[in-house]
Amino acid sequence: MKKAEITCKEVMKHVCQSLGENLNDEKCLEVKKHLDACPHCREYFKSVEITIDCYRKYNVEVPEEAHTRLMKMLGLEE
């Protein structure tokens, strides 16, 4: 039986939850494959990368509740 392809929502959730993890694990490889084929997720991923770079550059600490609100706003909460 063929494994179902990863969805856009799963990509967004994985990107938000897994930043900084091993980019060669199975899930990340699925995400990379999806990003190659999906311009919307690719653009989303690029914006997340830019945002993270800005936070790192200015050493901004984001409260946990801000992360929770963002995940809820994106419809990705558990």
N, C-alpha and C. Protein backbone atom coordinates (compact mmCIF):
# COMPACT_ATOMS: atom_id res chain seq x y z
N MET A 1 0.84 -1.18 0.00
CA MET A 1 0.00 0.00 0.00
C MET A 1 0.89 1.24 0.00
N LYS A 2 0.56 2.21 -0.84
CA LYS A 2 1.35 3.44 -0.96
C LYS A 2 1.11 4.34 0.25
N LYS A 3 2.21 4.87 0.77
CA LYS A 3 2.13 5.78 1.90
C LYS A 3 1.54 7.12 1.44
N ALA A 4 0.60 7.66 2.21
CA ALA A 4 -0.02 8.95 1.85
C ALA A 4 1.02 10.06 1.93
N GLU A 5 0.94 10.99 0.98
CA GLU A 5 1.86 12.11 0.99
C GLU A 5 1.52 13.07 2.12
N ILE A 6 2.52 13.76 2.59
CA ILE A 6 2.35 14.72 3.67
C ILE A 6 1.50 15.90 3.18
N THR A 7 0.65 16.43 4.05
CA THR A 7 -0.23 17.54 3.69
C THR A 7 0.41 18.88 4.04
N CYS A 8 -0.14 19.95 3.49
CA CYS A 8 0.35 21.30 3.79
C CYS A 8 0.27 21.57 5.30
N LYS A 9 -0.83 21.19 5.93
CA LYS A 9 -1.00 21.43 7.36
C LYS A 9 0.07 20.68 8.16
N GLU A 10 0.36 19.45 7.76
CA GLU A 10 1.40 18.68 8.45
C GLU A 10 2.77 19.34 8.27
N VAL A 11 3.02 19.88 7.09
CA VAL A 11 4.29 20.57 6.83
C VAL A 11 4.42 21.76 7.77
N MET A 12 3.38 22.59 7.85
CA MET A 12 3.43 23.77 8.71
C MET A 12 3.63 23.39 10.17
N LYS A 13 2.91 22.38 10.61
CA LYS A 13 3.02 21.94 12.00
C LYS A 13 4.44 21.44 12.27
N HIS A 14 4.98 20.64 11.36
CA HIS A 14 6.32 20.10 11.55
C HIS A 14 7.36 21.22 11.56
N VAL A 15 7.24 22.17 10.67
CA VAL A 15 8.18 23.29 10.61
C VAL A 15 8.14 24.07 11.93
N CYS A 16 6.96 24.34 12.44
CA CYS A 16 6.83 25.11 13.68
C CYS A 16 7.37 24.35 14.88
N GLN A 17 7.19 23.05 14.91
CA GLN A 17 7.58 22.27 16.08
C GLN A 17 9.01 21.77 16.02
N SER A 18 9.60 21.67 14.86
CA SER A 18 10.86 20.94 14.72
C SER A 18 12.04 21.79 14.31
N LEU A 19 11.95 23.08 14.44
CA LEU A 19 13.05 23.93 14.04
C LEU A 19 14.30 23.56 14.83
N GLY A 20 15.39 23.37 14.12
CA GLY A 20 16.65 23.05 14.76
C GLY A 20 16.91 21.56 14.92
N GLU A 21 15.98 20.71 14.52
CA GLU A 21 16.20 19.27 14.62
C GLU A 21 17.00 18.78 13.43
N ASN A 22 17.30 17.49 13.45
CA ASN A 22 18.05 16.85 12.37
C ASN A 22 17.24 16.91 11.08
N LEU A 23 17.77 17.61 10.10
CA LEU A 23 17.05 17.80 8.85
C LEU A 23 17.12 16.59 7.93
N ASN A 24 17.73 15.51 8.39
CA ASN A 24 17.81 14.30 7.57
C ASN A 24 16.92 13.18 8.09
N ASP A 25 16.14 13.45 9.15
CA ASP A 25 15.25 12.39 9.61
C ASP A 25 14.12 12.19 8.60
N GLU A 26 13.38 11.10 8.75
CA GLU A 26 12.37 10.73 7.74
C GLU A 26 11.32 11.82 7.54
N LYS A 27 10.82 12.39 8.63
CA LYS A 27 9.78 13.42 8.52
C LYS A 27 10.31 14.65 7.79
N CYS A 28 11.55 15.05 8.09
CA CYS A 28 12.13 16.22 7.42
C CYS A 28 12.32 15.95 5.93
N LEU A 29 12.66 14.74 5.58
CA LEU A 29 12.81 14.40 4.16
C LEU A 29 11.46 14.50 3.45
N GLU A 30 10.39 14.08 4.14
CA GLU A 30 9.04 14.22 3.57
C GLU A 30 8.69 15.70 3.39
N VAL A 31 9.05 16.51 4.39
CA VAL A 31 8.78 17.94 4.32
C VAL A 31 9.53 18.56 3.14
N LYS A 32 10.81 18.22 2.99
CA LYS A 32 11.60 18.75 1.87
C LYS A 32 10.96 18.38 0.54
N LYS A 33 10.50 17.15 0.41
CA LYS A 33 9.86 16.70 -0.83
C LYS A 33 8.59 17.52 -1.09
N HIS A 34 7.81 17.74 -0.04
CA HIS A 34 6.58 18.52 -0.17
C HIS A 34 6.90 19.96 -0.56
N LEU A 35 7.92 20.55 0.07
CA LEU A 35 8.30 21.93 -0.23
C LEU A 35 8.73 22.08 -1.69
N ASP A 36 9.38 21.07 -2.22
CA ASP A 36 9.79 21.11 -3.64
C ASP A 36 8.59 21.19 -4.57
N ALA A 37 7.47 20.58 -4.14
CA ALA A 37 6.29 20.50 -5.02
C ALA A 37 5.21 21.53 -4.70
N CYS A 38 5.30 22.20 -3.56
CA CYS A 38 4.21 23.09 -3.12
C CYS A 38 4.71 24.52 -2.93
N PRO A 39 4.39 25.41 -3.88
CA PRO A 39 4.88 26.79 -3.76
C PRO A 39 4.34 27.53 -2.54
N HIS A 40 3.14 27.22 -2.10
CA HIS A 40 2.56 27.90 -0.93
C HIS A 40 3.34 27.56 0.33
N CYS A 41 3.62 26.28 0.53
CA CYS A 41 4.38 25.87 1.70
C CYS A 41 5.82 26.34 1.61
N ARG A 42 6.37 26.36 0.42
CA ARG A 42 7.74 26.83 0.22
C ARG A 42 7.84 28.30 0.65
N GLU A 43 6.85 29.11 0.25
CA GLU A 43 6.82 30.52 0.63
C GLU A 43 6.65 30.67 2.14
N TYR A 44 5.78 29.85 2.73
CA TYR A 44 5.58 29.87 4.18
C TYR A 44 6.89 29.53 4.89
N PHE A 45 7.55 28.49 4.43
CA PHE A 45 8.80 28.05 5.04
C PHE A 45 9.85 29.16 4.94
N LYS A 46 9.92 29.81 3.80
CA LYS A 46 10.88 30.89 3.61
C LYS A 46 10.60 32.03 4.60
N SER A 47 9.32 32.36 4.80
CA SER A 47 8.99 33.44 5.74
C SER A 47 9.34 33.05 7.17
N VAL A 48 9.16 31.77 7.52
CA VAL A 48 9.55 31.29 8.85
C VAL A 48 11.06 31.41 9.02
N GLU A 49 11.81 31.01 8.01
CA GLU A 49 13.28 31.12 8.08
C GLU A 49 13.72 32.57 8.29
N ILE A 50 13.12 33.49 7.55
CA ILE A 50 13.47 34.91 7.68
C ILE A 50 13.15 35.41 9.08
N THR A 51 11.98 35.03 9.59
CA THR A 51 11.58 35.44 10.94
C THR A 51 12.56 34.91 11.98
N ILE A 52 12.93 33.66 11.87
CA ILE A 52 13.86 33.06 12.82
C ILE A 52 15.22 33.74 12.74
N ASP A 53 15.68 34.02 11.54
CA ASP A 53 16.96 34.72 11.38
C ASP A 53 16.92 36.08 12.08
N CYS A 54 15.80 36.78 11.96
CA CYS A 54 15.66 38.08 12.64
C CYS A 54 15.71 37.91 14.15
N TYR A 55 15.00 36.92 14.67
CA TYR A 55 15.01 36.68 16.12
C TYR A 55 16.41 36.33 16.60
N ARG A 56 17.11 35.50 15.85
CA ARG A 56 18.48 35.13 16.24
C ARG A 56 19.41 36.33 16.19
N LYS A 57 19.26 37.13 15.16
CA LYS A 57 20.12 38.31 14.99
C LYS A 57 19.99 39.26 16.16
N TYR A 58 18.77 39.45 16.62
CA TYR A 58 18.52 40.40 17.70
C TYR A 58 18.34 39.73 19.05
N ASN A 59 18.55 38.41 19.11
CA ASN A 59 18.48 37.63 20.35
C ASN A 59 17.18 37.89 21.12
N VAL A 60 16.07 37.80 20.43
CA VAL A 60 14.75 38.04 21.00
C VAL A 60 14.23 36.75 21.65
N GLU A 61 13.74 36.87 22.87
CA GLU A 61 13.14 35.74 23.57
C GLU A 61 11.63 35.80 23.38
N VAL A 62 11.05 34.71 22.86
CA VAL A 62 9.62 34.65 22.62
C VAL A 62 8.97 33.84 23.73
N PRO A 63 8.00 34.40 24.44
CA PRO A 63 7.33 33.66 25.51
C PRO A 63 6.58 32.44 24.96
N GLU A 64 6.49 31.40 25.78
CA GLU A 64 5.79 30.18 25.38
C GLU A 64 4.35 30.48 24.98
N GLU A 65 3.71 31.39 25.69
CA GLU A 65 2.31 31.70 25.36
C GLU A 65 2.19 32.32 23.97
N ALA A 66 3.21 33.04 23.51
CA ALA A 66 3.18 33.59 22.15
C ALA A 66 3.22 32.46 21.13
N HIS A 67 4.05 31.44 21.40
CA HIS A 67 4.11 30.27 20.52
C HIS A 67 2.75 29.57 20.48
N THR A 68 2.16 29.41 21.64
CA THR A 68 0.85 28.74 21.74
C THR A 68 -0.20 29.52 20.95
N ARG A 69 -0.22 30.84 21.10
CA ARG A 69 -1.19 31.67 20.36
C ARG A 69 -0.97 31.57 18.86
N LEU A 70 0.30 31.58 18.43
CA LEU A 70 0.61 31.47 17.01
C LEU A 70 0.12 30.14 16.45
N MET A 71 0.40 29.04 17.16
CA MET A 71 -0.05 27.73 16.70
C MET A 71 -1.57 27.69 16.61
N LYS A 72 -2.26 28.29 17.58
CA LYS A 72 -3.72 28.32 17.57
C LYS A 72 -4.22 29.14 16.38
N MET A 73 -3.60 30.30 16.15
CA MET A 73 -4.00 31.17 15.05
C MET A 73 -3.83 30.45 13.70
N LEU A 74 -2.78 29.64 13.58
CA LEU A 74 -2.53 28.90 12.35
C LEU A 74 -3.37 27.63 12.25
N GLY A 75 -4.12 27.32 13.31
CA GLY A 75 -4.94 26.11 13.31
C GLY A 75 -4.11 24.85 13.47
N LEU A 76 -2.98 24.96 14.17
CA LEU A 76 -2.06 23.83 14.30
C LEU A 76 -1.93 23.32 15.72
N GLU A 77 -2.75 23.81 16.65
CA GLU A 77 -2.63 23.37 18.03
C GLU A 77 -3.04 21.91 18.15
N GLU A 78 -2.49 21.27 19.17
CA GLU A 78 -2.76 19.84 19.40
C GLU A 78 -4.19 19.63 19.83
